[in-house]
Amino acid sequence: MDPEIKDEPNAVQMPKALREIEYQDVTFGYGEDKILNGLNLKVQHGEKIALVGPSGSGKTTISALLPRFYEVDSGGYHD
């Protein structure tokens, strides 16, 4: 067994760590049910945050928008 980890020949290089993530005036909903309305949030590299709120308030949705599992209705985000 070869313990060395090797990349596939066509492997894509992962980008370096993000410096920050910023959501700007983001609005998002599932159909007619608006979950986020005008969200503004900036998180610096290495910063730890906690998203706190009742069930259905958008905590999981905020994290699902970053890898673009969903597209925002308006506003934007960048890294």
PDB file of N, CA and C in Angstrom:
ATOM      1  N   MET A   1       0.854  -1.186   0.000  1.00  0.00           N
ATOM      2  CA  MET A   1       0.000   0.000   0.000  1.00  0.00           C
ATOM      3  C   MET A   1       0.894   1.241   0.000  1.00  0.00           C
ATOM      4  N   ASP A   2       0.617   2.156  -0.905  1.00  0.00           N
ATOM      5  CA  ASP A   2       1.389   3.396  -1.023  1.00  0.00           C
ATOM      6  C   ASP A   2       0.736   4.480  -0.160  1.00  0.00           C
ATOM      7  N   PRO A   3       1.394   4.919   0.940  1.00  0.00           N
ATOM      8  CA  PRO A   3       0.772   5.906   1.827  1.00  0.00           C
ATOM      9  C   PRO A   3       0.801   7.335   1.300  1.00  0.00           C
ATOM     10  N   GLU A   4       1.510   7.572   0.216  1.00  0.00           N
ATOM     11  CA  GLU A   4       1.614   8.928  -0.319  1.00  0.00           C
ATOM     12  C   GLU A   4       0.312   9.335  -1.009  1.00  0.00           C
ATOM     13  N   ILE A   5      -0.112  10.567  -0.759  1.00  0.00           N
ATOM     14  CA  ILE A   5      -1.310  11.103  -1.409  1.00  0.00           C
ATOM     15  C   ILE A   5      -0.882  11.806  -2.682  1.00  0.00           C
ATOM     16  N   LYS A   6      -1.496  11.446  -3.791  1.00  0.00           N
ATOM     17  CA  LYS A   6      -1.142  12.034  -5.080  1.00  0.00           C
ATOM     18  C   LYS A   6      -2.376  12.647  -5.717  1.00  0.00           C
ATOM     19  N   ASP A   7      -2.173  13.795  -6.374  1.00  0.00           N
ATOM     20  CA  ASP A   7      -3.260  14.434  -7.113  1.00  0.00           C
ATOM     21  C   ASP A   7      -3.497  13.703  -8.426  1.00  0.00           C
ATOM     22  N   GLU A   8      -4.732  13.745  -8.869  1.00  0.00           N
ATOM     23  CA  GLU A   8      -5.056  13.253 -10.199  1.00  0.00           C
ATOM     24  C   GLU A   8      -4.370  14.169 -11.213  1.00  0.00           C
ATOM     25  N   PRO A   9      -4.061  13.680 -12.415  1.00  0.00           N
ATOM     26  CA  PRO A   9      -3.398  14.529 -13.419  1.00  0.00           C
ATOM     27  C   PRO A   9      -4.181  15.793 -13.766  1.00  0.00           C
ATOM     28  N   ASN A  10      -5.508  15.736 -13.727  1.00  0.00           N
ATOM     29  CA  ASN A  10      -6.325  16.902 -14.089  1.00  0.00           C
ATOM     30  C   ASN A  10      -6.887  17.621 -12.859  1.00  0.00           C
ATOM     31  N   ALA A  11      -6.259  17.437 -11.690  1.00  0.00           N
ATOM     32  CA  ALA A  11      -6.755  18.058 -10.452  1.00  0.00           C
ATOM     33  C   ALA A  11      -6.684  19.580 -10.546  1.00  0.00           C
ATOM     34  N   VAL A  12      -7.701  20.231 -10.016  1.00  0.00           N
ATOM     35  CA  VAL A  12      -7.767  21.694 -10.006  1.00  0.00           C
ATOM     36  C   VAL A  12      -7.194  22.192  -8.687  1.00  0.00           C
ATOM     37  N   GLN A  13      -6.311  23.186  -8.751  1.00  0.00           N
ATOM     38  CA  GLN A  13      -5.737  23.766  -7.543  1.00  0.00           C
ATOM     39  C   GLN A  13      -6.808  24.499  -6.758  1.00  0.00           C
ATOM     40  N   MET A  14      -6.835  24.296  -5.459  1.00  0.00           N
ATOM     41  CA  MET A  14      -7.764  25.017  -4.601  1.00  0.00           C
ATOM     42  C   MET A  14      -7.230  26.430  -4.384  1.00  0.00           C
ATOM     43  N   PRO A  15      -8.119  27.416  -4.333  1.00  0.00           N
ATOM     44  CA  PRO A  15      -7.664  28.782  -4.089  1.00  0.00           C
ATOM     45  C   PRO A  15      -7.131  28.923  -2.671  1.00  0.00           C
ATOM     46  N   LYS A  16      -6.293  29.941  -2.480  1.00  0.00           N
ATOM     47  CA  LYS A  16      -5.787  30.225  -1.140  1.00  0.00           C
ATOM     48  C   LYS A  16      -6.948  30.640  -0.251  1.00  0.00           C
ATOM     49  N   ALA A  17      -6.694  30.662   1.043  1.00  0.00           N
ATOM     50  CA  ALA A  17      -7.738  31.016   2.009  1.00  0.00           C
ATOM     51  C   ALA A  17      -8.337  32.383   1.688  1.00  0.00           C
ATOM     52  N   LEU A  18      -9.625  32.492   1.897  1.00  0.00           N
ATOM     53  CA  LEU A  18     -10.318  33.758   1.671  1.00  0.00           C
ATOM     54  C   LEU A  18      -9.905  34.773   2.728  1.00  0.00           C
ATOM     55  N   ARG A  19      -9.817  36.031   2.342  1.00  0.00           N
ATOM     56  CA  ARG A  19      -9.508  37.088   3.309  1.00  0.00           C
ATOM     57  C   ARG A  19     -10.761  37.528   4.035  1.00  0.00           C
ATOM     58  N   GLU A  20     -11.852  37.548   3.325  1.00  0.00           N
ATOM     59  CA  GLU A  20     -13.123  37.925   3.936  1.00  0.00           C
ATOM     60  C   GLU A  20     -14.267  37.457   3.053  1.00  0.00           C
ATOM     61  N   ILE A  21     -15.420  37.385   3.658  1.00  0.00           N
ATOM     62  CA  ILE A  21     -16.656  37.078   2.947  1.00  0.00           C
ATOM     63  C   ILE A  21     -17.625  38.190   3.299  1.00  0.00           C
ATOM     64  N   GLU A  22     -18.293  38.728   2.287  1.00  0.00           N
ATOM     65  CA  GLU A  22     -19.218  39.823   2.552  1.00  0.00           C
ATOM     66  C   GLU A  22     -20.522  39.625   1.786  1.00  0.00           C
ATOM     67  N   TYR A  23     -21.622  39.698   2.510  1.00  0.00           N
ATOM     68  CA  TYR A  23     -22.954  39.715   1.927  1.00  0.00           C
ATOM     69  C   TYR A  23     -23.404  41.173   1.903  1.00  0.00           C
ATOM     70  N   GLN A  24     -23.929  41.636   0.772  1.00  0.00           N
ATOM     71  CA  GLN A  24     -24.346  43.033   0.641  1.00  0.00           C
ATOM     72  C   GLN A  24     -25.806  43.116   0.223  1.00  0.00           C
ATOM     73  N   ASP A  25     -26.642  43.599   1.141  1.00  0.00           N
ATOM     74  CA  ASP A  25     -28.064  43.837   0.882  1.00  0.00           C
ATOM     75  C   ASP A  25     -28.743  42.629   0.222  1.00  0.00           C
ATOM     76  N   VAL A  26     -28.472  41.452   0.765  1.00  0.00           N
ATOM     77  CA  VAL A  26     -28.968  40.203   0.181  1.00  0.00           C
ATOM     78  C   VAL A  26     -30.428  39.950   0.566  1.00  0.00           C
ATOM     79  N   THR A  27     -31.219  39.643  -0.436  1.00  0.00           N
ATOM     80  CA  THR A  27     -32.600  39.214  -0.255  1.00  0.00           C
ATOM     81  C   THR A  27     -32.721  37.826  -0.870  1.00  0.00           C
ATOM     82  N   PHE A  28     -33.371  36.923  -0.146  1.00  0.00           N
ATOM     83  CA  PHE A  28     -33.530  35.557  -0.641  1.00  0.00           C
ATOM     84  C   PHE A  28     -34.790  34.948  -0.052  1.00  0.00           C
ATOM     85  N   GLY A  29     -35.451  34.146  -0.862  1.00  0.00           N
ATOM     86  CA  GLY A  29     -36.627  33.433  -0.380  1.00  0.00           C
ATOM     87  C   GLY A  29     -36.794  32.124  -1.108  1.00  0.00           C
ATOM     88  N   TYR A  30     -37.538  31.255  -0.495  1.00  0.00           N
ATOM     89  CA  TYR A  30     -37.926  29.995  -1.124  1.00  0.00           C
ATOM     90  C   TYR A  30     -39.322  30.222  -1.678  1.00  0.00           C
ATOM     91  N   GLY A  31     -39.401  30.504  -2.964  1.00  0.00           N
ATOM     92  CA  GLY A  31     -40.684  30.854  -3.563  1.00  0.00           C
ATOM     93  C   GLY A  31     -41.133  32.213  -3.041  1.00  0.00           C
ATOM     94  N   GLU A  32     -42.359  32.302  -2.587  1.00  0.00           N
ATOM     95  CA  GLU A  32     -42.901  33.563  -2.066  1.00  0.00           C
ATOM     96  C   GLU A  32     -42.497  33.818  -0.612  1.00  0.00           C
ATOM     97  N   ASP A  33     -41.934  32.821   0.046  1.00  0.00           N
ATOM     98  CA  ASP A  33     -41.566  32.921   1.463  1.00  0.00           C
ATOM     99  C   ASP A  33     -40.177  33.549   1.600  1.00  0.00           C
ATOM    100  N   LYS A  34     -40.119  34.870   1.872  1.00  0.00           N
ATOM    101  CA  LYS A  34     -38.845  35.575   2.009  1.00  0.00           C
ATOM    102  C   LYS A  34     -38.189  35.200   3.332  1.00  0.00           C
ATOM    103  N   ILE A  35     -36.946  34.761   3.255  1.00  0.00           N
ATOM    104  CA  ILE A  35     -36.190  34.356   4.436  1.00  0.00           C
ATOM    105  C   ILE A  35     -35.210  35.452   4.841  1.00  0.00           C
ATOM    106  N   LEU A  36     -34.515  36.027   3.870  1.00  0.00           N
ATOM    107  CA  LEU A  36     -33.550  37.097   4.125  1.00  0.00           C
ATOM    108  C   LEU A  36     -34.008  38.343   3.395  1.00  0.00           C
ATOM    109  N   ASN A  37     -33.924  39.481   4.061  1.00  0.00           N
ATOM    110  CA  ASN A  37     -34.355  40.733   3.454  1.00  0.00           C
ATOM    111  C   ASN A  37     -33.367  41.838   3.819  1.00  0.00           C
ATOM    112  N   GLY A  38     -32.444  42.147   2.903  1.00  0.00           N
ATOM    113  CA  GLY A  38     -31.476  43.212   3.135  1.00  0.00           C
ATOM    114  C   GLY A  38     -30.338  42.813   4.059  1.00  0.00           C
ATOM    115  N   LEU A  39     -29.909  41.557   4.008  1.00  0.00           N
ATOM    116  CA  LEU A  39     -28.826  41.082   4.872  1.00  0.00           C
ATOM    117  C   LEU A  39     -27.502  41.725   4.492  1.00  0.00           C
ATOM    118  N   ASN A  40     -26.808  42.288   5.470  1.00  0.00           N
ATOM    119  CA  ASN A  40     -25.447  42.788   5.320  1.00  0.00           C
ATOM    120  C   ASN A  40     -24.601  42.108   6.383  1.00  0.00           C
ATOM    121  N   LEU A  41     -23.526  41.442   5.954  1.00  0.00           N
ATOM    122  CA  LEU A  41     -22.679  40.704   6.882  1.00  0.00           C
ATOM    123  C   LEU A  41     -21.281  40.628   6.300  1.00  0.00           C
ATOM    124  N   LYS A  42     -20.275  40.926   7.116  1.00  0.00           N
ATOM    125  CA  LYS A  42     -18.883  40.818   6.691  1.00  0.00           C
ATOM    126  C   LYS A  42     -18.141  39.989   7.729  1.00  0.00           C
ATOM    127  N   VAL A  43     -17.435  38.946   7.273  1.00  0.00           N
ATOM    128  CA  VAL A  43     -16.669  38.074   8.153  1.00  0.00           C
ATOM    129  C   VAL A  43     -15.232  38.051   7.644  1.00  0.00           C
ATOM    130  N   GLN A  44     -14.303  38.448   8.495  1.00  0.00           N
ATOM    131  CA  GLN A  44     -12.883  38.466   8.149  1.00  0.00           C
ATOM    132  C   GLN A  44     -12.288  37.060   8.281  1.00  0.00           C
ATOM    133  N   HIS A  45     -11.204  36.807   7.555  1.00  0.00           N
ATOM    134  CA  HIS A  45     -10.492  35.533   7.640  1.00  0.00           C
ATOM    135  C   HIS A  45     -10.095  35.272   9.096  1.00  0.00           C
ATOM    136  N   GLY A  46     -10.395  34.099   9.598  1.00  0.00           N
ATOM    137  CA  GLY A  46     -10.050  33.724  10.960  1.00  0.00           C
ATOM    138  C   GLY A  46     -11.054  34.156  12.011  1.00  0.00           C
ATOM    139  N   GLU A  47     -11.992  35.002  11.637  1.00  0.00           N
ATOM    140  CA  GLU A  47     -13.008  35.474  12.577  1.00  0.00           C
ATOM    141  C   GLU A  47     -14.055  34.384  12.789  1.00  0.00           C
ATOM    142  N   LYS A  48     -14.512  34.269  14.009  1.00  0.00           N
ATOM    143  CA  LYS A  48     -15.564  33.305  14.329  1.00  0.00           C
ATOM    144  C   LYS A  48     -16.833  34.066  14.657  1.00  0.00           C
ATOM    145  N   ILE A  49     -17.936  33.584  14.099  1.00  0.00           N
ATOM    146  CA  ILE A  49     -19.231  34.212  14.369  1.00  0.00           C
ATOM    147  C   ILE A  49     -20.225  33.128  14.770  1.00  0.00           C
ATOM    148  N   ALA A  50     -21.315  33.543  15.345  1.00  0.00           N
ATOM    149  CA  ALA A  50     -22.409  32.628  15.673  1.00  0.00           C
ATOM    150  C   ALA A  50     -23.684  33.194  15.068  1.00  0.00           C
ATOM    151  N   LEU A  51     -24.412  32.369  14.366  1.00  0.00           N
ATOM    152  CA  LEU A  51     -25.713  32.752  13.829  1.00  0.00           C
ATOM    153  C   LEU A  51     -26.764  32.184  14.770  1.00  0.00           C
ATOM    154  N   VAL A  52     -27.503  33.065  15.408  1.00  0.00           N
ATOM    155  CA  VAL A  52     -28.466  32.662  16.421  1.00  0.00           C
ATOM    156  C   VAL A  52     -29.843  33.174  16.032  1.00  0.00           C
ATOM    157  N   GLY A  53     -30.839  32.336  16.146  1.00  0.00           N
ATOM    158  CA  GLY A  53     -32.202  32.748  15.850  1.00  0.00           C
ATOM    159  C   GLY A  53     -33.131  31.562  15.888  1.00  0.00           C
ATOM    160  N   PRO A  54     -34.411  31.834  15.832  1.00  0.00           N
ATOM    161  CA  PRO A  54     -35.385  30.739  15.876  1.00  0.00           C
ATOM    162  C   PRO A  54     -35.354  29.904  14.593  1.00  0.00           C
ATOM    163  N   SER A  55     -35.947  28.759  14.661  1.00  0.00           N
ATOM    164  CA  SER A  55     -36.060  27.881  13.505  1.00  0.00           C
ATOM    165  C   SER A  55     -36.725  28.626  12.351  1.00  0.00           C
ATOM    166  N   GLY A  56     -36.142  28.489  11.159  1.00  0.00           N
ATOM    167  CA  GLY A  56     -36.720  29.131   9.982  1.00  0.00           C
ATOM    168  C   GLY A  56     -36.319  30.571   9.782  1.00  0.00           C
ATOM    169  N   SER A  57     -35.360  31.076  10.568  1.00  0.00           N
ATOM    170  CA  SER A  57     -34.983  32.489  10.454  1.00  0.00           C
ATOM    171  C   SER A  57     -33.874  32.748   9.439  1.00  0.00           C
ATOM    172  N   GLY A  58     -33.296  31.693   8.829  1.00  0.00           N
ATOM    173  CA  GLY A  58     -32.326  31.890   7.762  1.00  0.00           C
ATOM    174  C   GLY A  58     -30.891  31.530   8.089  1.00  0.00           C
ATOM    175  N   LYS A  59     -30.626  30.944   9.237  1.00  0.00           N
ATOM    176  CA  LYS A  59     -29.255  30.610   9.621  1.00  0.00           C
ATOM    177  C   LYS A  59     -28.606  29.657   8.617  1.00  0.00           C
ATOM    178  N   THR A  60     -29.255  28.566   8.318  1.00  0.00           N
ATOM    179  CA  THR A  60     -28.712  27.596   7.370  1.00  0.00           C
ATOM    180  C   THR A  60     -28.689  28.169   5.961  1.00  0.00           C
ATOM    181  N   THR A  61     -29.674  28.954   5.616  1.00  0.00           N
ATOM    182  CA  THR A  61     -29.731  29.573   4.291  1.00  0.00           C
ATOM    183  C   THR A  61     -28.524  30.466   4.057  1.00  0.00           C
ATOM    184  N   ILE A  62     -28.110  31.236   5.058  1.00  0.00           N
ATOM    185  CA  ILE A  62     -26.947  32.119   4.919  1.00  0.00           C
ATOM    186  C   ILE A  62     -25.720  31.310   4.520  1.00  0.00           C
ATOM    187  N   SER A  63     -25.481  30.187   5.181  1.00  0.00           N
ATOM    188  CA  SER A  63     -24.314  29.378   4.837  1.00  0.00           C
ATOM    189  C   SER A  63     -24.495  28.647   3.508  1.00  0.00           C
ATOM    190  N   ALA A  64     -25.713  28.328   3.116  1.00  0.00           N
ATOM    191  CA  ALA A  64     -25.964  27.636   1.848  1.00  0.00           C
ATOM    192  C   ALA A  64     -25.804  28.562   0.647  1.00  0.00           C
ATOM    193  N   LEU A  65     -25.896  29.872   0.856  1.00  0.00           N
ATOM    194  CA  LEU A  65     -25.733  30.811  -0.253  1.00  0.00           C
ATOM    195  C   LEU A  65     -24.267  30.959  -0.666  1.00  0.00           C
ATOM    196  N   LEU A  66     -23.349  30.809   0.265  1.00  0.00           N
ATOM    197  CA  LEU A  66     -21.941  31.028  -0.054  1.00  0.00           C
ATOM    198  C   LEU A  66     -21.416  30.099  -1.148  1.00  0.00           C
ATOM    199  N   PRO A  67     -21.618  28.783  -1.056  1.00  0.00           N
ATOM    200  CA  PRO A  67     -21.152  27.916  -2.143  1.00  0.00           C
ATOM    201  C   PRO A  67     -22.106  27.897  -3.339  1.00  0.00           C
ATOM    202  N   ARG A  68     -23.084  28.790  -3.331  1.00  0.00           N
ATOM    203  CA  ARG A  68     -24.053  28.973  -4.401  1.00  0.00           C
ATOM    204  C   ARG A  68     -24.932  27.750  -4.616  1.00  0.00           C
ATOM    205  N   PHE A  69     -25.311  27.129  -3.494  1.00  0.00           N
ATOM    206  CA  PHE A  69     -26.327  26.087  -3.580  1.00  0.00           C
ATOM    207  C   PHE A  69     -27.627  26.709  -4.072  1.00  0.00           C
ATOM    208  N   TYR A  70     -27.809  28.006  -3.771  1.00  0.00           N
ATOM    209  CA  TYR A  70     -28.953  28.795  -4.226  1.00  0.00           C
ATOM    210  C   TYR A  70     -28.428  30.130  -4.730  1.00  0.00           C
ATOM    211  N   GLU A  71     -29.164  30.778  -5.600  1.00  0.00           N
ATOM    212  CA  GLU A  71     -28.835  32.124  -6.065  1.00  0.00           C
ATOM    213  C   GLU A  71     -29.686  33.127  -5.300  1.00  0.00           C
ATOM    214  N   VAL A  72     -29.087  34.260  -4.946  1.00  0.00           N
ATOM    215  CA  VAL A  72     -29.831  35.290  -4.220  1.00  0.00           C
ATOM    216  C   VAL A  72     -30.866  35.917  -5.143  1.00  0.00           C
ATOM    217  N   ASP A  73     -31.941  36.443  -4.553  1.00  0.00           N
ATOM    218  CA  ASP A  73     -32.957  37.149  -5.334  1.00  0.00           C
ATOM    219  C   ASP A  73     -32.466  38.541  -5.700  1.00  0.00           C
ATOM    220  N   SER A  74     -31.769  39.196  -4.769  1.00  0.00           N
ATOM    221  CA  SER A  74     -31.156  40.500  -5.040  1.00  0.00           C
ATOM    222  C   SER A  74     -30.007  40.699  -4.071  1.00  0.00           C
ATOM    223  N   GLY A  75     -29.191  41.707  -4.354  1.00  0.00           N
ATOM    224  CA  GLY A  75     -27.991  41.927  -3.557  1.00  0.00           C
ATOM    225  C   GLY A  75     -26.882  41.028  -4.063  1.00  0.00           C
ATOM    226  N   GLY A  76     -25.857  40.855  -3.256  1.00  0.00           N
ATOM    227  CA  GLY A  76     -24.756  40.018  -3.695  1.00  0.00           C
ATOM    228  C   GLY A  76     -23.824  39.667  -2.561  1.00  0.00           C
ATOM    229  N   TYR A  77     -22.828  38.874  -2.901  1.00  0.00           N
ATOM    230  CA  TYR A  77     -21.805  38.509  -1.937  1.00  0.00           C
ATOM    231  C   TYR A  77     -20.513  38.284  -2.688  1.00  0.00           C
ATOM    232  N   HIS A  78     -19.419  38.484  -2.006  1.00  0.00           N
ATOM    233  CA  HIS A  78     -18.118  38.263  -2.632  1.00  0.00           C
ATOM    234  C   HIS A  78     -17.110  37.869  -1.582  1.00  0.00           C
ATOM    235  N   ASP A  79     -15.996  37.356  -2.077  1.00  0.00           N
ATOM    236  CA  ASP A  79     -14.892  36.998  -1.194  1.00  0.00           C
ATOM    237  C   ASP A  79     -13.647  37.724  -1.623  1.00  0.00           C
TER     238      ASP A  79
END
